Amino acid sequence: MFNRKFTAQEAFERNLLTQVVPDAQFQTRVSEVLLEISKLPKESLLESKRALRESERDILKQVNKKEVDILVGRWSSQEFVRVIMDFWKKK
């Protein structure tokens, strides 16, 4: 985003992550989370996931179409041509 990498803390602060775990605690935390998940009712999880996917599928298709239309428009813009030309001049 904005042509730079986020730190884990920045991503967390922007709600792109649910938690940040120090390297030294990573494997332990992964094991804990997997154990928690393994205790959840499998069929209920699958049904919930299916319901979410179905309800969002049409919206996602609409958003995807809009994004493609925007990209096609950007590819034919003068700005795109300039950026590509600048990129190749640096090579």
C-alpha atoms as a PDB file:
ATOM      1  CA  MET A   1       0.000   0.000   0.000  1.00  0.00           C
ATOM      2  CA  PHE A   2       1.386   3.378  -1.008  1.00  0.00           C
ATOM      3  CA  ASN A   3       4.371   1.547  -2.481  1.00  0.00           C
ATOM      4  CA  ARG A   4       5.832   0.545   0.884  1.00  0.00           C
ATOM      5  CA  LYS A   5       5.692  -2.356   3.293  1.00  0.00           C
ATOM      6  CA  PHE A   6       3.839  -2.111   6.579  1.00  0.00           C
ATOM      7  CA  THR A   7       5.363  -3.340   9.798  1.00  0.00           C
ATOM      8  CA  ALA A   8       3.313  -5.964  11.632  1.00  0.00           C
ATOM      9  CA  GLN A   9       2.299  -3.326  14.185  1.00  0.00           C
ATOM     10  CA  GLU A  10       1.141  -0.905  11.472  1.00  0.00           C
ATOM     11  CA  ALA A  11      -0.910  -3.660   9.831  1.00  0.00           C
ATOM     12  CA  PHE A  12      -2.469  -4.501  13.204  1.00  0.00           C
ATOM     13  CA  GLU A  13      -3.337  -0.858  13.870  1.00  0.00           C
ATOM     14  CA  ARG A  14      -5.093  -0.716  10.487  1.00  0.00           C
ATOM     15  CA  ASN A  15      -7.110  -3.871  11.275  1.00  0.00           C
ATOM     16  CA  LEU A  16      -5.341  -5.933   8.634  1.00  0.00           C
ATOM     17  CA  LEU A  17      -4.222  -8.419  11.320  1.00  0.00           C
ATOM     18  CA  THR A  18      -6.001  -9.774  14.376  1.00  0.00           C
ATOM     19  CA  GLN A  19      -2.858 -10.027  16.490  1.00  0.00           C
ATOM     20  CA  VAL A  20       0.897  -9.576  16.451  1.00  0.00           C
ATOM     21  CA  VAL A  21       2.996 -12.292  18.075  1.00  0.00           C
ATOM     22  CA  PRO A  22       6.708 -11.933  18.877  1.00  0.00           C
ATOM     23  CA  ASP A  23       8.941 -14.402  17.007  1.00  0.00           C
ATOM     24  CA  ALA A  24       9.914 -16.202  20.202  1.00  0.00           C
ATOM     25  CA  GLN A  25       6.250 -16.954  20.998  1.00  0.00           C
ATOM     26  CA  PHE A  26       5.074 -17.678  17.462  1.00  0.00           C
ATOM     27  CA  GLN A  27       5.141 -21.496  17.428  1.00  0.00           C
ATOM     28  CA  THR A  28       3.529 -21.694  20.863  1.00  0.00           C
ATOM     29  CA  ARG A  29       0.761 -19.298  19.827  1.00  0.00           C
ATOM     30  CA  VAL A  30       0.153 -21.192  16.571  1.00  0.00           C
ATOM     31  CA  SER A  31      -0.263 -24.419  18.552  1.00  0.00           C
ATOM     32  CA  GLU A  32      -2.693 -22.720  20.944  1.00  0.00           C
ATOM     33  CA  VAL A  33      -4.823 -21.295  18.132  1.00  0.00           C
ATOM     34  CA  LEU A  34      -4.884 -24.609  16.271  1.00  0.00           C
ATOM     35  CA  LEU A  35      -5.988 -26.397  19.434  1.00  0.00           C
ATOM     36  CA  GLU A  36      -8.781 -23.834  19.965  1.00  0.00           C
ATOM     37  CA  ILE A  37      -9.952 -24.188  16.367  1.00  0.00           C
ATOM     38  CA  SER A  38      -9.821 -27.991  16.480  1.00  0.00           C
ATOM     39  CA  LYS A  39     -12.310 -27.969  19.370  1.00  0.00           C
ATOM     40  CA  LEU A  40     -14.943 -26.037  17.412  1.00  0.00           C
ATOM     41  CA  PRO A  41     -17.845 -27.941  15.805  1.00  0.00           C
ATOM     42  CA  LYS A  42     -16.720 -28.770  12.260  1.00  0.00           C
ATOM     43  CA  GLU A  43     -20.129 -28.912  10.561  1.00  0.00           C
ATOM     44  CA  SER A  44     -21.225 -25.595  12.084  1.00  0.00           C
ATOM     45  CA  LEU A  45     -18.019 -23.940  10.907  1.00  0.00           C
ATOM     46  CA  LEU A  46     -18.490 -25.292   7.393  1.00  0.00           C
ATOM     47  CA  GLU A  47     -22.109 -24.121   7.247  1.00  0.00           C
ATOM     48  CA  SER A  48     -21.185 -20.676   8.532  1.00  0.00           C
ATOM     49  CA  LYS A  49     -18.402 -20.372   5.981  1.00  0.00           C
ATOM     50  CA  ARG A  50     -20.726 -21.534   3.195  1.00  0.00           C
ATOM     51  CA  ALA A  51     -23.406 -19.010   4.197  1.00  0.00           C
ATOM     52  CA  LEU A  52     -20.898 -16.152   4.251  1.00  0.00           C
ATOM     53  CA  ARG A  53     -19.491 -17.090   0.857  1.00  0.00           C
ATOM     54  CA  GLU A  54     -22.907 -17.375  -0.765  1.00  0.00           C
ATOM     55  CA  SER A  55     -24.170 -14.075   0.605  1.00  0.00           C
ATOM     56  CA  GLU A  56     -21.067 -12.214  -0.502  1.00  0.00           C
ATOM     57  CA  ARG A  57     -20.519 -13.903  -3.888  1.00  0.00           C
ATOM     58  CA  ASP A  58     -22.741 -11.516  -5.887  1.00  0.00           C
ATOM     59  CA  ILE A  59     -21.242  -8.478  -4.198  1.00  0.00           C
ATOM     60  CA  LEU A  60     -17.720  -9.750  -4.867  1.00  0.00           C
ATOM     61  CA  LYS A  61     -18.547 -10.328  -8.539  1.00  0.00           C
ATOM     62  CA  GLN A  62     -19.879  -6.760  -8.834  1.00  0.00           C
ATOM     63  CA  VAL A  63     -16.815  -5.325  -7.129  1.00  0.00           C
ATOM     64  CA  ASN A  64     -14.527  -7.424  -9.318  1.00  0.00           C
ATOM     65  CA  LYS A  65     -16.245  -6.193 -12.499  1.00  0.00           C
ATOM     66  CA  LYS A  66     -15.908  -2.586 -11.346  1.00  0.00           C
ATOM     67  CA  GLU A  67     -12.217  -3.095 -10.538  1.00  0.00           C
ATOM     68  CA  VAL A  68     -11.589  -4.609 -13.991  1.00  0.00           C
ATOM     69  CA  ASP A  69     -13.360  -1.686 -15.662  1.00  0.00           C
ATOM     70  CA  ILE A  70     -11.228   0.749 -13.668  1.00  0.00           C
ATOM     71  CA  LEU A  71      -8.017  -1.137 -14.547  1.00  0.00           C
ATOM     72  CA  VAL A  72      -8.859  -1.156 -18.245  1.00  0.00           C
ATOM     73  CA  GLY A  73      -9.435   2.586 -18.046  1.00  0.00           C
ATOM     74  CA  ARG A  74      -6.173   3.151 -16.186  1.00  0.00           C
ATOM     75  CA  TRP A  75      -4.196   1.086 -18.705  1.00  0.00           C
ATOM     76  CA  SER A  76      -5.262   3.415 -21.482  1.00  0.00           C
ATOM     77  CA  SER A  77      -4.513   6.616 -19.560  1.00  0.00           C
ATOM     78  CA  GLN A  78      -1.648   9.014 -20.227  1.00  0.00           C
ATOM     79  CA  GLU A  79      -0.531   8.591 -16.616  1.00  0.00           C
ATOM     80  CA  PHE A  80      -0.078   4.840 -17.109  1.00  0.00           C
ATOM     81  CA  VAL A  81       1.983   5.374 -20.258  1.00  0.00           C
ATOM     82  CA  ARG A  82       4.162   7.937 -18.460  1.00  0.00           C
ATOM     83  CA  VAL A  83       4.732   5.662 -15.455  1.00  0.00           C
ATOM     84  CA  ILE A  84       5.684   2.725 -17.678  1.00  0.00           C
ATOM     85  CA  MET A  85       8.036   4.886 -19.723  1.00  0.00           C
ATOM     86  CA  ASP A  86       9.667   6.223 -16.538  1.00  0.00           C
ATOM     87  CA  PHE A  87      10.043   2.665 -15.240  1.00  0.00           C
ATOM     88  CA  TRP A  88      11.807   1.462 -18.395  1.00  0.00           C
ATOM     89  CA  LYS A  89      14.076   4.522 -18.491  1.00  0.00           C
ATOM     90  CA  LYS A  90      15.429   3.498 -15.077  1.00  0.00           C
ATOM     91  CA  LYS A  91      16.336   0.010 -16.365  1.00  0.00           C
END
